[in-house]
Amino acid sequence: MLSLLDVDKPTVAVAAVATSGRSVLLVKRKYPPNAGKWSLPGGYLELGERLVDGVLRELREETGVGGVVERFMTPVEYIESDGDGVRYHFVILVYLVRITGGNLRASDDADEVALVPIEKAFEMDLTETTREVLRQVGL
C-alpha cells in the first residue's frame, strides 16, 4: 500500500476489463484502498514493463487466468485525500482483455474473484472507478 509517506507523485497502474462473452471478471479487494469492494483486476506497472505485459501479468497473478489484449480503453484517475493531503493517487490505464483460459482463483491480495454477466456486475458493491469503466464497455 502506497501513501503520501511513500511517494510524492502519482503511481502508474494498469487494469483489465477481462471478458468472456458478455461476462466480466471482477476481484474483491482485500487491501486498501477500497478493501471489500469489487474492482477490475490490476495493479502497479513494474519498472521497464510494457503496459500490455503489465496488464496481462496482473490479470494472471490476481485471478489465475490468461488473456489477449484487444485494445486500450481509457485512462482513469483514483485520488483519495484525507485531512493531511493526498493519501492515494493512481493513474490507471485500462485495457479490454479477452480471457483465453486458466484456472480461476483468488490470489493473496484478493478475497474473491467472480466472472459475472455485465448487468449483474452493476448490482455488486463496485468501486466508483470500476463502475465508471464498466459503463463504457458496451457488452
N, C-alpha and C. Protein backbone atom coordinates (compact mmCIF):
# COMPACT_ATOMS: atom_id res chain seq x y z
N MET A 1 0.84 -1.16 0.00
CA MET A 1 0.00 0.00 0.00
C MET A 1 0.89 1.23 0.00
N LEU A 2 0.68 2.11 -0.98
CA LEU A 2 1.43 3.35 -1.06
C LEU A 2 0.62 4.47 -0.44
N SER A 3 1.28 5.39 0.18
CA SER A 3 0.62 6.57 0.72
C SER A 3 1.54 7.76 0.51
N LEU A 4 1.09 8.93 0.97
CA LEU A 4 1.88 10.13 0.82
C LEU A 4 3.26 9.97 1.46
N LEU A 5 3.37 9.15 2.49
CA LEU A 5 4.66 8.93 3.14
C LEU A 5 5.61 8.15 2.25
N ASP A 6 5.09 7.37 1.33
CA ASP A 6 5.90 6.52 0.46
C ASP A 6 6.27 7.18 -0.86
N VAL A 7 5.38 7.99 -1.42
CA VAL A 7 5.60 8.60 -2.74
C VAL A 7 5.18 10.05 -2.72
N ASP A 8 5.72 10.80 -3.65
CA ASP A 8 5.34 12.21 -3.75
C ASP A 8 4.80 12.56 -5.12
N LYS A 9 4.36 11.54 -5.86
CA LYS A 9 3.79 11.75 -7.18
C LYS A 9 2.82 10.61 -7.49
N PRO A 10 1.99 10.77 -8.53
CA PRO A 10 1.05 9.70 -8.89
C PRO A 10 1.77 8.40 -9.25
N THR A 11 1.09 7.30 -9.04
CA THR A 11 1.61 5.98 -9.36
C THR A 11 0.89 5.45 -10.60
N VAL A 12 1.65 4.88 -11.54
CA VAL A 12 1.06 4.31 -12.76
C VAL A 12 0.62 2.88 -12.46
N ALA A 13 -0.62 2.59 -12.84
CA ALA A 13 -1.17 1.25 -12.66
C ALA A 13 -1.90 0.85 -13.95
N VAL A 14 -2.18 -0.45 -14.05
CA VAL A 14 -2.93 -0.99 -15.18
C VAL A 14 -4.10 -1.81 -14.65
N ALA A 15 -5.16 -1.91 -15.44
CA ALA A 15 -6.31 -2.72 -15.06
C ALA A 15 -6.90 -3.36 -16.30
N ALA A 16 -7.53 -4.52 -16.10
CA ALA A 16 -8.12 -5.27 -17.21
C ALA A 16 -9.64 -5.35 -17.07
N VAL A 17 -10.33 -4.98 -18.13
CA VAL A 17 -11.73 -5.34 -18.27
C VAL A 17 -11.66 -6.68 -19.00
N ALA A 18 -11.55 -7.75 -18.20
CA ALA A 18 -11.36 -9.09 -18.76
C ALA A 18 -12.72 -9.72 -19.00
N THR A 19 -12.97 -10.09 -20.25
CA THR A 19 -14.29 -10.57 -20.63
C THR A 19 -14.26 -11.97 -21.23
N SER A 20 -15.39 -12.63 -21.06
CA SER A 20 -15.66 -13.90 -21.72
C SER A 20 -17.12 -13.81 -22.15
N GLY A 21 -17.36 -13.67 -23.44
CA GLY A 21 -18.72 -13.42 -23.91
C GLY A 21 -19.22 -12.10 -23.36
N ARG A 22 -20.38 -12.14 -22.69
CA ARG A 22 -20.95 -10.93 -22.09
C ARG A 22 -20.71 -10.87 -20.58
N SER A 23 -19.70 -11.60 -20.10
CA SER A 23 -19.35 -11.60 -18.69
C SER A 23 -18.02 -10.91 -18.46
N VAL A 24 -17.87 -10.34 -17.28
CA VAL A 24 -16.67 -9.61 -16.91
C VAL A 24 -16.10 -10.20 -15.62
N LEU A 25 -14.79 -10.21 -15.52
CA LEU A 25 -14.09 -10.78 -14.37
C LEU A 25 -13.81 -9.67 -13.36
N LEU A 26 -14.23 -9.89 -12.12
CA LEU A 26 -14.03 -8.92 -11.05
C LEU A 26 -13.31 -9.56 -9.87
N VAL A 27 -12.60 -8.73 -9.11
CA VAL A 27 -11.92 -9.19 -7.90
C VAL A 27 -12.44 -8.39 -6.72
N LYS A 28 -12.60 -9.06 -5.59
CA LYS A 28 -12.99 -8.38 -4.36
C LYS A 28 -11.71 -8.00 -3.63
N ARG A 29 -11.48 -6.70 -3.48
CA ARG A 29 -10.23 -6.19 -2.93
C ARG A 29 -10.05 -6.57 -1.47
N LYS A 30 -8.86 -7.06 -1.14
CA LYS A 30 -8.55 -7.43 0.23
C LYS A 30 -7.94 -6.26 1.01
N TYR A 31 -7.22 -5.39 0.32
CA TYR A 31 -6.48 -4.31 0.98
C TYR A 31 -6.92 -2.93 0.51
N PRO A 32 -6.66 -1.90 1.32
CA PRO A 32 -6.95 -0.53 0.89
C PRO A 32 -6.13 -0.14 -0.32
N PRO A 33 -6.60 0.82 -1.09
CA PRO A 33 -7.87 1.49 -0.90
C PRO A 33 -9.04 0.63 -1.37
N ASN A 34 -10.21 0.92 -0.87
CA ASN A 34 -11.45 0.23 -1.25
C ASN A 34 -11.51 -1.24 -0.88
N ALA A 35 -10.90 -1.62 0.24
CA ALA A 35 -10.98 -3.02 0.70
C ALA A 35 -12.44 -3.43 0.84
N GLY A 36 -12.73 -4.65 0.38
CA GLY A 36 -14.09 -5.18 0.46
C GLY A 36 -14.96 -4.87 -0.73
N LYS A 37 -14.52 -4.00 -1.60
CA LYS A 37 -15.30 -3.66 -2.81
C LYS A 37 -14.79 -4.47 -4.00
N TRP A 38 -15.66 -4.61 -4.99
CA TRP A 38 -15.31 -5.32 -6.22
C TRP A 38 -14.69 -4.34 -7.21
N SER A 39 -13.64 -4.81 -7.89
CA SER A 39 -12.96 -3.96 -8.87
C SER A 39 -12.40 -4.80 -10.00
N LEU A 40 -11.77 -4.12 -10.92
CA LEU A 40 -11.10 -4.79 -12.04
C LEU A 40 -9.77 -5.35 -11.58
N PRO A 41 -9.36 -6.48 -12.11
CA PRO A 41 -8.02 -6.98 -11.79
C PRO A 41 -6.98 -6.01 -12.34
N GLY A 42 -5.97 -5.77 -11.55
CA GLY A 42 -4.92 -4.86 -11.99
C GLY A 42 -3.97 -4.53 -10.86
N GLY A 43 -3.03 -3.65 -11.14
CA GLY A 43 -2.06 -3.26 -10.13
C GLY A 43 -0.97 -2.40 -10.73
N TYR A 44 0.10 -2.27 -9.96
CA TYR A 44 1.21 -1.41 -10.33
C TYR A 44 1.94 -1.91 -11.57
N LEU A 45 2.35 -0.98 -12.40
CA LEU A 45 3.24 -1.28 -13.51
C LEU A 45 4.66 -1.37 -12.96
N GLU A 46 5.39 -2.38 -13.34
CA GLU A 46 6.76 -2.55 -12.86
C GLU A 46 7.73 -1.77 -13.74
N LEU A 47 8.84 -1.35 -13.17
CA LEU A 47 9.85 -0.60 -13.90
C LEU A 47 10.33 -1.42 -15.10
N GLY A 48 10.31 -0.82 -16.29
CA GLY A 48 10.77 -1.48 -17.50
C GLY A 48 9.72 -2.38 -18.16
N GLU A 49 8.55 -2.48 -17.56
CA GLU A 49 7.49 -3.36 -18.09
C GLU A 49 6.60 -2.58 -19.04
N ARG A 50 6.30 -3.18 -20.18
CA ARG A 50 5.37 -2.57 -21.13
C ARG A 50 3.95 -2.68 -20.58
N LEU A 51 3.11 -1.72 -20.94
CA LEU A 51 1.75 -1.67 -20.42
C LEU A 51 0.97 -2.95 -20.65
N VAL A 52 0.97 -3.46 -21.89
CA VAL A 52 0.19 -4.68 -22.18
C VAL A 52 0.75 -5.88 -21.43
N ASP A 53 2.05 -5.94 -21.24
CA ASP A 53 2.63 -7.03 -20.46
C ASP A 53 2.21 -6.93 -19.00
N GLY A 54 2.19 -5.71 -18.49
CA GLY A 54 1.79 -5.49 -17.09
C GLY A 54 0.35 -5.87 -16.83
N VAL A 55 -0.56 -5.50 -17.74
CA VAL A 55 -1.96 -5.81 -17.51
C VAL A 55 -2.20 -7.32 -17.58
N LEU A 56 -1.51 -8.02 -18.47
CA LEU A 56 -1.66 -9.48 -18.55
C LEU A 56 -1.03 -10.18 -17.35
N ARG A 57 0.09 -9.65 -16.86
CA ARG A 57 0.73 -10.21 -15.66
C ARG A 57 -0.19 -10.04 -14.45
N GLU A 58 -0.73 -8.84 -14.27
CA GLU A 58 -1.62 -8.60 -13.14
C GLU A 58 -2.86 -9.48 -13.21
N LEU A 59 -3.43 -9.63 -14.40
CA LEU A 59 -4.60 -10.49 -14.58
C LEU A 59 -4.28 -11.92 -14.15
N ARG A 60 -3.15 -12.43 -14.61
CA ARG A 60 -2.74 -13.80 -14.28
C ARG A 60 -2.47 -13.95 -12.78
N GLU A 61 -1.73 -12.99 -12.21
CA GLU A 61 -1.38 -13.06 -10.79
C GLU A 61 -2.61 -12.98 -9.89
N GLU A 62 -3.54 -12.11 -10.20
CA GLU A 62 -4.70 -11.90 -9.32
C GLU A 62 -5.80 -12.92 -9.50
N THR A 63 -5.93 -13.49 -10.71
CA THR A 63 -7.11 -14.32 -10.99
C THR A 63 -6.79 -15.73 -11.50
N GLY A 64 -5.56 -15.97 -11.92
CA GLY A 64 -5.20 -17.27 -12.45
C GLY A 64 -5.55 -17.48 -13.91
N VAL A 65 -6.08 -16.48 -14.58
CA VAL A 65 -6.45 -16.64 -15.99
C VAL A 65 -5.53 -15.83 -16.90
N GLY A 66 -5.46 -16.29 -18.13
CA GLY A 66 -4.69 -15.59 -19.15
C GLY A 66 -5.63 -14.90 -20.11
N GLY A 67 -5.05 -14.04 -20.92
CA GLY A 67 -5.89 -13.32 -21.87
C GLY A 67 -5.10 -12.72 -23.00
N VAL A 68 -5.82 -12.09 -23.90
CA VAL A 68 -5.26 -11.39 -25.04
C VAL A 68 -5.79 -9.96 -24.98
N VAL A 69 -4.88 -9.00 -25.06
CA VAL A 69 -5.30 -7.60 -25.06
C VAL A 69 -5.95 -7.30 -26.39
N GLU A 70 -7.18 -6.80 -26.32
CA GLU A 70 -7.91 -6.42 -27.54
C GLU A 70 -7.68 -4.96 -27.90
N ARG A 71 -7.68 -4.08 -26.87
CA ARG A 71 -7.45 -2.67 -27.14
C ARG A 71 -7.32 -1.89 -25.84
N PHE A 72 -6.72 -0.71 -25.95
CA PHE A 72 -6.70 0.24 -24.84
C PHE A 72 -8.08 0.84 -24.73
N MET A 73 -8.58 1.00 -23.51
CA MET A 73 -9.91 1.58 -23.32
C MET A 73 -9.87 3.04 -22.88
N THR A 74 -9.27 3.28 -21.71
CA THR A 74 -9.36 4.62 -21.15
C THR A 74 -8.38 4.79 -19.99
N PRO A 75 -7.96 6.02 -19.74
CA PRO A 75 -7.24 6.29 -18.50
C PRO A 75 -8.25 6.64 -17.40
N VAL A 76 -7.94 6.27 -16.19
CA VAL A 76 -8.79 6.59 -15.04
C VAL A 76 -7.89 7.08 -13.93
N GLU A 77 -8.35 8.10 -13.21
CA GLU A 77 -7.60 8.57 -12.05
C GLU A 77 -8.34 8.16 -10.78
N TYR A 78 -7.57 7.73 -9.79
CA TYR A 78 -8.13 7.49 -8.47
C TYR A 78 -7.32 8.35 -7.50
N ILE A 79 -7.99 9.31 -6.89
CA ILE A 79 -7.34 10.20 -5.93
C ILE A 79 -8.15 10.14 -4.65
N GLU A 80 -7.48 9.83 -3.55
CA GLU A 80 -8.13 9.81 -2.25
C GLU A 80 -7.36 10.73 -1.31
N SER A 81 -8.09 11.68 -0.74
CA SER A 81 -7.48 12.64 0.16
C SER A 81 -7.93 12.37 1.59
N ASP A 82 -7.10 12.82 2.52
CA ASP A 82 -7.53 12.83 3.92
C ASP A 82 -7.23 14.22 4.45
N GLY A 83 -7.36 14.45 5.73
CA GLY A 83 -7.17 15.77 6.30
C GLY A 83 -5.78 16.35 6.09
N ASP A 84 -4.79 15.50 5.87
CA ASP A 84 -3.41 15.96 5.74
C ASP A 84 -2.94 16.07 4.30
N GLY A 85 -3.77 15.76 3.35
CA GLY A 85 -3.36 15.83 1.95
C GLY A 85 -3.82 14.62 1.17
N VAL A 86 -3.05 14.25 0.17
CA VAL A 86 -3.40 13.14 -0.71
C VAL A 86 -2.86 11.84 -0.14
N ARG A 87 -3.75 10.88 0.03
CA ARG A 87 -3.37 9.56 0.56
C ARG A 87 -2.98 8.62 -0.57
N TYR A 88 -3.78 8.61 -1.66
CA TYR A 88 -3.51 7.77 -2.84
C TYR A 88 -3.74 8.61 -4.09
N HIS A 89 -2.90 8.39 -5.09
CA HIS A 89 -3.12 8.98 -6.41
C HIS A 89 -2.59 7.99 -7.45
N PHE A 90 -3.53 7.31 -8.10
CA PHE A 90 -3.20 6.34 -9.14
C PHE A 90 -3.68 6.85 -10.48
N VAL A 91 -2.86 6.70 -11.50
CA VAL A 91 -3.27 6.88 -12.89
C VAL A 91 -3.34 5.47 -13.45
N ILE A 92 -4.57 5.03 -13.74
CA ILE A 92 -4.81 3.64 -14.13
C ILE A 92 -5.13 3.58 -15.62
N LEU A 93 -4.35 2.81 -16.35
CA LEU A 93 -4.57 2.64 -17.78
C LEU A 93 -5.32 1.32 -17.97
N VAL A 94 -6.54 1.43 -18.50
CA VAL A 94 -7.46 0.30 -18.57
C VAL A 94 -7.47 -0.29 -19.97
N TYR A 95 -7.36 -1.61 -20.02
CA TYR A 95 -7.34 -2.35 -21.29
C TYR A 95 -8.50 -3.35 -21.34
N LEU A 96 -9.08 -3.52 -22.51
CA LEU A 96 -10.05 -4.56 -22.75
C LEU A 96 -9.27 -5.83 -23.09
N VAL A 97 -9.53 -6.91 -22.33
CA VAL A 97 -8.81 -8.17 -22.48
C VAL A 97 -9.82 -9.30 -22.65
N ARG A 98 -9.59 -10.14 -23.65
CA ARG A 98 -10.42 -11.34 -23.84
C ARG A 98 -9.76 -12.48 -23.10
N ILE A 99 -10.51 -13.13 -22.22
CA ILE A 99 -9.99 -14.25 -21.45
C ILE A 99 -9.78 -15.45 -22.37
N THR A 100 -8.60 -16.09 -22.26
CA THR A 100 -8.28 -17.22 -23.13
C THR A 100 -8.18 -18.55 -22.38
N GLY A 101 -8.20 -18.52 -21.07
CA GLY A 101 -8.13 -19.77 -20.32
C GLY A 101 -7.46 -19.59 -18.98
N GLY A 102 -7.27 -20.72 -18.30
CA GLY A 102 -6.65 -20.71 -16.98
C GLY A 102 -7.60 -21.27 -15.95
N ASN A 103 -7.15 -21.27 -14.71
CA ASN A 103 -7.94 -21.77 -13.60
C ASN A 103 -8.28 -20.60 -12.68
N LEU A 104 -9.53 -20.18 -12.68
CA LEU A 104 -9.98 -19.03 -11.91
C LEU A 104 -9.76 -19.28 -10.42
N ARG A 105 -9.01 -18.34 -9.78
CA ARG A 105 -8.75 -18.43 -8.34
C ARG A 105 -8.36 -17.04 -7.85
N ALA A 106 -8.63 -16.79 -6.58
CA ALA A 106 -8.25 -15.51 -5.97
C ALA A 106 -6.81 -15.60 -5.48
N SER A 107 -6.04 -14.55 -5.74
CA SER A 107 -4.66 -14.50 -5.27
C SER A 107 -4.63 -14.05 -3.82
N ASP A 108 -3.44 -13.88 -3.28
CA ASP A 108 -3.33 -13.49 -1.88
C ASP A 108 -3.75 -12.05 -1.61
N ASP A 109 -3.91 -11.22 -2.64
CA ASP A 109 -4.37 -9.85 -2.40
C ASP A 109 -5.82 -9.62 -2.81
N ALA A 110 -6.55 -10.71 -3.08
CA ALA A 110 -7.97 -10.63 -3.41
C ALA A 110 -8.74 -11.61 -2.52
N ASP A 111 -9.87 -11.17 -1.99
CA ASP A 111 -10.70 -12.06 -1.19
C ASP A 111 -11.46 -13.06 -2.05
N GLU A 112 -11.93 -12.60 -3.22
CA GLU A 112 -12.71 -13.44 -4.12
C GLU A 112 -12.49 -12.98 -5.56
N VAL A 113 -12.80 -13.86 -6.50
CA VAL A 113 -12.89 -13.49 -7.90
C VAL A 113 -14.21 -14.03 -8.43
N ALA A 114 -14.77 -13.33 -9.40
CA ALA A 114 -16.05 -13.77 -9.97
C ALA A 114 -16.14 -13.35 -11.42
N LEU A 115 -16.59 -14.25 -12.25
CA LEU A 115 -16.91 -13.96 -13.64
C LEU A 115 -18.42 -13.83 -13.71
N VAL A 116 -18.90 -12.61 -13.93
CA VAL A 116 -20.34 -12.35 -13.84
C VAL A 116 -20.85 -11.66 -15.10
N PRO A 117 -22.12 -11.90 -15.45
CA PRO A 117 -22.71 -11.15 -16.56
C PRO A 117 -22.61 -9.65 -16.26
N ILE A 118 -22.33 -8.86 -17.28
CA ILE A 118 -22.10 -7.43 -17.09
C ILE A 118 -23.25 -6.75 -16.36
N GLU A 119 -24.49 -7.14 -16.66
CA GLU A 119 -25.63 -6.49 -16.00
C GLU A 119 -25.68 -6.82 -14.51
N LYS A 120 -25.20 -8.01 -14.12
CA LYS A 120 -25.13 -8.38 -12.69
C LYS A 120 -24.02 -7.63 -11.97
N ALA A 121 -22.96 -7.28 -12.70
CA ALA A 121 -21.85 -6.55 -12.08
C ALA A 121 -22.33 -5.25 -11.47
N PHE A 122 -23.27 -4.58 -12.11
CA PHE A 122 -23.75 -3.30 -11.61
C PHE A 122 -24.57 -3.44 -10.32
N GLU A 123 -24.95 -4.67 -9.96
CA GLU A 123 -25.67 -4.91 -8.71
C GLU A 123 -24.69 -5.17 -7.55
N MET A 124 -23.40 -5.30 -7.86
CA MET A 124 -22.39 -5.59 -6.85
C MET A 124 -21.85 -4.29 -6.24
N ASP A 125 -21.16 -4.42 -5.13
CA ASP A 125 -20.56 -3.28 -4.44
C ASP A 125 -19.24 -2.94 -5.12
N LEU A 126 -19.34 -2.22 -6.25
CA LEU A 126 -18.19 -1.88 -7.08
C LEU A 126 -17.50 -0.61 -6.59
N THR A 127 -16.19 -0.51 -6.86
CA THR A 127 -15.52 0.76 -6.66
C THR A 127 -16.09 1.75 -7.69
N GLU A 128 -15.99 3.02 -7.39
CA GLU A 128 -16.50 4.04 -8.32
C GLU A 128 -15.77 4.01 -9.66
N THR A 129 -14.45 3.78 -9.63
CA THR A 129 -13.71 3.75 -10.89
C THR A 129 -14.12 2.53 -11.72
N THR A 130 -14.40 1.41 -11.08
CA THR A 130 -14.85 0.22 -11.81
C THR A 130 -16.22 0.47 -12.43
N ARG A 131 -17.12 1.05 -11.67
CA ARG A 131 -18.46 1.37 -12.18
C ARG A 131 -18.34 2.30 -13.40
N GLU A 132 -17.48 3.31 -13.29
CA GLU A 132 -17.26 4.27 -14.38
C GLU A 132 -16.76 3.57 -15.65
N VAL A 133 -15.79 2.68 -15.50
CA VAL A 133 -15.23 1.98 -16.66
C VAL A 133 -16.24 1.02 -17.26
N LEU A 134 -16.96 0.27 -16.44
CA LEU A 134 -17.91 -0.72 -16.97
C LEU A 134 -19.04 -0.05 -17.74
N ARG A 135 -19.37 1.16 -17.41
CA ARG A 135 -20.38 1.90 -18.19
C ARG A 135 -19.93 2.11 -19.63
N GLN A 136 -18.62 2.13 -19.84
CA GLN A 136 -18.05 2.38 -21.17
C GLN A 136 -17.90 1.12 -22.01
N VAL A 137 -18.01 -0.05 -21.38
CA VAL A 137 -17.68 -1.31 -22.06
C VAL A 137 -18.62 -1.60 -23.22
N GLY A 138 -19.91 -1.51 -23.01
CA GLY A 138 -20.85 -1.75 -24.08
C GLY A 138 -20.99 -3.21 -24.48
N LEU A 139 -20.89 -4.12 -23.52
CA LEU A 139 -21.09 -5.55 -23.83
C LEU A 139 -22.55 -5.84 -24.05
